[in-house]
Amino acid sequence: MQNKTDLKATNLLTKAFLYAKENNLNPFKVIKDLFIMADIEVPQDFFCIDYKADRTEFNIKSGDLLTFDRTNTELENNKIYYFGLEWGKYYIEDWGKYDAETNTIISESRKFEVDEIEVIGKLKRYIRDL
């Protein structure tokens, strides 16, 4: 019985994820909203990505632990975001600061057009590496 319940739950989450993708919605926000509607408490870190900064930029120092919230991808000027993009035959993920004036994310002095990348999450917090 438990296997059938697990399978149904997995199918429901898969359908919610695909529905969100097909309708240009943030799938992680849709799933989080489903959990809230079902009154199911899920740890906040379930929807987060941790990333150890590999460079010093935008008041972030190399070695800092960055936590990005996958449910928050709405762009705000001068905020830090984690993003992915196809670069030739490779898919890379990186972080940078959004510039509303140029509608780009700046990372290591490179500018990436927002239309050409996938915004994965907004910086929620960072822990300074001492």
Protein backbone atom coordinates (compact mmCIF):
# COMPACT_ATOMS: atom_id res chain seq x y z
CA MET A 1 0.00 0.00 0.00
CA GLN A 2 2.83 2.39 0.88
CA ASN A 3 4.45 1.86 -2.55
CA LYS A 4 1.19 2.83 -4.30
CA THR A 5 0.91 5.96 -2.16
CA ASP A 6 4.54 6.89 -2.85
CA LEU A 7 4.00 6.33 -6.58
CA LYS A 8 0.87 8.49 -6.61
CA ALA A 9 2.66 11.27 -4.74
CA THR A 10 5.60 11.07 -7.14
CA ASN A 11 3.27 11.16 -10.15
CA LEU A 12 1.45 14.20 -8.71
CA LEU A 13 4.68 16.10 -8.13
CA THR A 14 5.94 15.18 -11.60
CA LYS A 15 2.70 16.44 -13.16
CA ALA A 16 2.90 19.67 -11.15
CA PHE A 17 6.50 20.16 -12.24
CA LEU A 18 5.68 19.55 -15.92
CA TYR A 19 2.59 21.77 -15.75
CA ALA A 20 4.69 24.60 -14.37
CA LYS A 21 7.36 24.19 -17.05
CA GLU A 22 4.75 24.11 -19.85
CA ASN A 23 3.15 27.31 -18.53
CA ASN A 24 6.42 29.18 -17.91
CA LEU A 25 5.97 29.06 -14.14
CA ASN A 26 8.63 28.39 -11.53
CA PRO A 27 8.14 24.65 -10.85
CA PHE A 28 9.68 24.87 -7.39
CA LYS A 29 7.30 27.67 -6.40
CA VAL A 30 4.31 25.66 -7.73
CA ILE A 31 5.36 22.60 -5.71
CA LYS A 32 6.00 24.73 -2.61
CA ASP A 33 2.51 26.25 -2.99
CA LEU A 34 1.05 22.72 -3.25
CA PHE A 35 2.74 21.77 0.02
CA ILE A 36 1.37 24.92 1.66
CA MET A 37 -2.17 24.21 0.40
CA ALA A 38 -1.91 20.63 1.69
CA ASP A 39 -0.66 21.97 5.03
CA ILE A 40 2.53 19.91 4.70
CA GLU A 41 5.55 21.45 6.35
CA VAL A 42 8.71 21.13 4.31
CA PRO A 43 12.07 22.44 5.51
CA GLN A 44 12.99 25.66 3.67
CA ASP A 45 16.33 24.18 2.63
CA PHE A 46 14.44 21.62 0.54
CA PHE A 47 14.00 24.37 -2.06
CA CYS A 48 17.51 25.80 -1.77
CA ILE A 49 20.86 25.33 -3.47
CA ASP A 50 24.10 25.82 -1.55
CA TYR A 51 27.11 27.00 -3.49
CA LYS A 52 30.60 27.80 -2.27
CA ALA A 53 31.78 31.04 -3.87
CA ASP A 54 34.85 30.52 -6.02
CA ARG A 55 35.64 34.20 -6.48
CA THR A 56 35.34 37.56 -4.73
CA GLU A 57 32.71 39.82 -6.28
CA PHE A 58 29.74 42.01 -5.21
CA ASN A 59 30.62 41.92 -1.49
CA ILE A 60 30.81 38.12 -1.66
CA LYS A 61 34.21 36.68 -0.81
CA SER A 62 35.75 33.52 -2.23
CA GLY A 63 34.91 30.67 0.14
CA ASP A 64 31.59 32.15 1.35
CA LEU A 65 28.69 29.70 1.43
CA LEU A 66 25.85 31.08 -0.72
CA THR A 67 22.29 29.78 -0.34
CA PHE A 68 19.93 30.39 -3.26
CA ASP A 69 16.13 30.03 -3.01
CA ARG A 70 14.80 28.13 -6.04
CA THR A 71 11.23 29.32 -5.35
CA ASN A 72 12.23 32.96 -5.83
CA THR A 73 13.29 33.78 -9.38
CA GLU A 74 11.65 37.19 -9.77
CA LEU A 75 14.39 39.59 -10.76
CA GLU A 76 15.18 42.66 -8.65
CA ASN A 77 17.84 45.20 -9.50
CA ASN A 78 21.24 44.68 -7.84
CA LYS A 79 20.29 41.33 -6.28
CA ILE A 80 22.40 38.18 -6.64
CA TYR A 81 21.05 35.18 -8.60
CA TYR A 82 22.15 31.66 -9.46
CA PHE A 83 21.65 30.88 -13.14
CA GLY A 84 22.36 28.34 -15.83
CA LEU A 85 23.02 28.62 -19.54
CA GLU A 86 24.09 26.61 -22.52
CA TRP A 87 27.51 27.73 -23.66
CA GLY A 88 28.33 26.01 -26.91
CA LYS A 89 28.07 22.31 -26.21
CA TYR A 90 28.27 22.82 -22.43
CA TYR A 91 25.72 23.71 -19.75
CA ILE A 92 27.18 25.87 -17.00
CA GLU A 93 25.81 27.28 -13.78
CA ASP A 94 27.12 30.44 -12.15
CA TRP A 95 26.03 33.37 -10.00
CA GLY A 96 25.95 37.09 -10.60
CA LYS A 97 24.17 40.38 -9.99
CA TYR A 98 21.09 41.46 -11.95
CA ASP A 99 21.25 44.85 -13.69
CA ALA A 100 17.72 46.03 -14.53
CA GLU A 101 18.96 48.85 -16.76
CA THR A 102 20.57 46.43 -19.22
CA ASN A 103 18.39 43.38 -18.32
CA THR A 104 21.52 41.32 -17.80
CA ILE A 105 23.18 39.34 -15.05
CA ILE A 106 26.79 40.38 -14.55
CA SER A 107 29.26 37.71 -13.55
CA GLU A 108 33.02 38.15 -13.59
CA SER A 109 32.64 41.28 -15.75
CA ARG A 110 30.66 39.29 -18.34
CA LYS A 111 27.08 40.23 -19.10
CA PHE A 112 24.51 37.51 -19.76
CA GLU A 113 21.20 38.50 -21.36
CA VAL A 114 18.31 37.38 -19.15
CA ASP A 115 16.49 35.99 -22.19
CA GLU A 116 19.42 33.64 -22.87
CA ILE A 117 19.76 32.13 -19.39
CA GLU A 118 17.67 30.21 -16.87
CA VAL A 119 17.38 32.01 -13.53
CA ILE A 120 17.55 29.21 -10.95
CA GLY A 121 17.27 31.10 -7.67
CA LYS A 122 17.79 34.30 -5.73
CA LEU A 123 20.40 34.67 -3.00
CA LYS A 124 18.67 34.00 0.29
CA ARG A 125 21.68 34.23 2.62
CA TYR A 126 25.40 33.83 2.72
CA ILE A 127 27.76 32.71 5.43
CA ARG A 128 31.11 34.41 5.47
CA ASP A 129 34.10 32.09 5.31
CA LEU A 130 36.36 33.11 8.17
